[in-house]
Amino acid sequence: MNDNIEILGKGLAFNFGVDSNGGIKFSSYEKSVEEGIDIILSTKPGERVYNRKFGCLIQDLMFEPNNSETKNLAARYVKYALDMFEKRINVLSVEAQSEDEKSINIIVNYKLIESNREYNLVYPFYLLPQ
């Protein structure tokens, strides 16, 4: 196994559960990073008792209209949160696009620091009707 990839780590899988052998499900390496990004973006600052700053402000946009201002804020909030809390990646770009008025797709392009490999992730963010 490549020693560089070890820094990406292993941990409990984000969708906690049982693996095919009946043990606790873990995620490793690239999957661990992807799940870390999802955790950051799904957590509202203040939700974690011992780390109140952890998370992403995107949740504050849930009741906003789906317009260019909201999409720009969403992209900015996501980039800031990932730069602050996911130290295993370099964020290359964040774009916010929508196909309908109820959702925004956040497209995150990032590079793993240890392997220099590039990845992308689409995070769907749903707006609630007013």
Protein backbone atom coordinates (compact mmCIF):
# COMPACT_ATOMS: atom_id res chain seq x y z
CA MET A 1 0.00 0.00 0.00
CA ASN A 2 1.16 3.50 -0.80
CA ASP A 3 2.47 5.19 2.36
CA ASN A 4 1.19 8.60 1.18
CA ILE A 5 -2.41 7.40 1.18
CA GLU A 6 -2.21 6.38 4.84
CA ILE A 7 -2.54 10.02 5.92
CA LEU A 8 -6.08 10.07 4.50
CA GLY A 9 -7.00 7.78 7.34
CA LYS A 10 -9.72 5.38 8.27
CA GLY A 11 -12.72 5.88 10.50
CA LEU A 12 -16.28 4.95 11.18
CA ALA A 13 -18.40 5.15 8.06
CA PHE A 14 -20.63 8.21 7.83
CA ASN A 15 -23.72 6.06 7.37
CA PHE A 16 -23.05 4.11 10.54
CA GLY A 17 -23.83 0.45 10.13
CA VAL A 18 -22.65 -3.11 9.95
CA ASP A 19 -20.38 -4.51 7.24
CA SER A 20 -20.83 -7.83 5.42
CA ASN A 21 -18.91 -9.66 8.17
CA GLY A 22 -21.13 -8.34 10.96
CA GLY A 23 -18.55 -5.82 12.20
CA ILE A 24 -18.78 -2.05 12.42
CA LYS A 25 -18.56 -0.40 9.00
CA PHE A 26 -15.47 1.74 8.38
CA SER A 27 -14.47 3.97 5.51
CA SER A 28 -10.93 4.40 4.28
CA TYR A 29 -8.75 6.80 2.36
CA GLU A 30 -10.53 8.66 -0.49
CA LYS A 31 -13.95 7.53 0.77
CA SER A 32 -13.07 8.85 4.22
CA VAL A 33 -12.29 12.28 2.71
CA GLU A 34 -15.54 12.29 0.74
CA GLU A 35 -17.51 11.43 3.87
CA GLY A 36 -15.62 14.12 5.80
CA ILE A 37 -16.69 16.71 3.24
CA ASP A 38 -20.29 15.56 3.53
CA ILE A 39 -20.15 15.79 7.33
CA ILE A 40 -18.75 19.33 7.21
CA LEU A 41 -21.36 20.55 4.72
CA SER A 42 -24.24 18.85 6.58
CA THR A 43 -23.33 20.30 9.97
CA LYS A 44 -24.54 23.72 11.01
CA PRO A 45 -22.06 25.70 13.14
CA GLY A 46 -23.07 25.38 16.78
CA GLU A 47 -24.39 21.82 16.51
CA ARG A 48 -21.23 20.21 17.89
CA VAL A 49 -21.02 20.79 21.61
CA TYR A 50 -17.23 20.67 21.84
CA ASN A 51 -16.51 22.42 18.54
CA ARG A 52 -19.15 25.10 18.03
CA LYS A 53 -17.38 26.63 15.00
CA PHE A 54 -17.33 23.34 13.05
CA GLY A 55 -19.65 23.12 10.06
CA CYS A 56 -20.90 25.15 7.14
CA LEU A 57 -23.15 28.21 7.06
CA ILE A 58 -24.93 26.88 3.96
CA GLN A 59 -27.73 25.66 6.24
CA ASP A 60 -28.58 29.34 6.90
CA LEU A 61 -29.65 29.64 3.24
CA MET A 62 -32.38 27.01 3.46
CA PHE A 63 -35.24 29.53 3.28
CA GLU A 64 -33.63 31.92 0.79
CA PRO A 65 -34.80 32.33 -2.83
CA ASN A 66 -32.91 30.38 -5.47
CA ASN A 67 -31.16 33.29 -7.16
CA SER A 68 -27.60 34.24 -8.07
CA GLU A 69 -26.96 35.87 -4.69
CA THR A 70 -27.95 32.72 -2.81
CA LYS A 71 -25.84 30.53 -5.12
CA ASN A 72 -22.82 32.81 -4.70
CA LEU A 73 -23.19 32.74 -0.91
CA ALA A 74 -23.58 28.95 -0.95
CA ALA A 75 -20.37 28.53 -2.95
CA ARG A 76 -18.51 30.94 -0.66
CA TYR A 77 -19.74 29.23 2.52
CA VAL A 78 -18.77 25.79 1.20
CA LYS A 79 -15.28 26.89 0.17
CA TYR A 80 -14.68 28.58 3.52
CA ALA A 81 -15.87 25.56 5.54
CA LEU A 82 -13.77 23.09 3.54
CA ASP A 83 -10.68 25.30 3.74
CA MET A 84 -11.14 25.52 7.52
CA PHE A 85 -12.06 21.97 8.44
CA GLU A 86 -10.86 19.51 5.78
CA LYS A 87 -7.08 19.74 5.92
CA ARG A 88 -6.52 16.70 3.67
CA ILE A 89 -7.59 18.60 0.54
CA ASN A 90 -6.96 21.74 -1.46
CA VAL A 91 -10.21 23.16 -2.79
CA LEU A 92 -9.71 23.99 -6.47
CA SER A 93 -13.16 25.41 -7.17
CA VAL A 94 -16.70 25.53 -5.88
CA GLU A 95 -19.66 26.23 -8.16
CA ALA A 96 -23.34 26.45 -7.36
CA GLN A 97 -25.84 25.53 -10.07
CA SER A 98 -29.55 24.84 -10.05
CA GLU A 99 -31.88 23.00 -12.36
CA ASP A 100 -35.04 23.93 -10.49
CA GLU A 101 -36.15 26.45 -7.89
CA LYS A 102 -36.03 23.96 -5.00
CA SER A 103 -32.40 22.88 -5.08
CA ILE A 104 -28.84 23.98 -5.63
CA ASN A 105 -26.09 21.58 -6.65
CA ILE A 106 -22.77 22.52 -5.11
CA ILE A 107 -19.94 21.21 -7.29
CA VAL A 108 -16.67 20.93 -5.37
CA ASN A 109 -13.44 20.24 -7.24
CA TYR A 110 -10.59 19.35 -4.93
CA LYS A 111 -7.14 17.81 -4.86
CA LEU A 112 -5.94 15.36 -2.22
CA ILE A 113 -2.81 16.87 -0.73
CA GLU A 114 -0.95 13.61 -0.24
CA SER A 115 -1.59 11.99 -3.62
CA ASN A 116 -2.11 15.11 -5.78
CA ARG A 117 -5.15 13.40 -7.34
CA GLU A 118 -8.11 15.52 -8.33
CA TYR A 119 -11.71 14.65 -7.46
CA ASN A 120 -15.09 16.27 -7.65
CA LEU A 121 -18.17 15.94 -5.54
CA VAL A 122 -21.71 17.18 -6.06
CA TYR A 123 -23.49 18.15 -2.86
CA PRO A 124 -27.24 18.65 -3.33
CA PHE A 125 -28.66 21.44 -1.18
CA TYR A 126 -32.43 21.73 -0.94
CA LEU A 127 -34.27 24.99 -0.39
CA LEU A 128 -37.60 25.03 1.42
CA PRO A 129 -40.52 26.87 -0.14
CA GLN A 130 -41.48 30.10 1.54
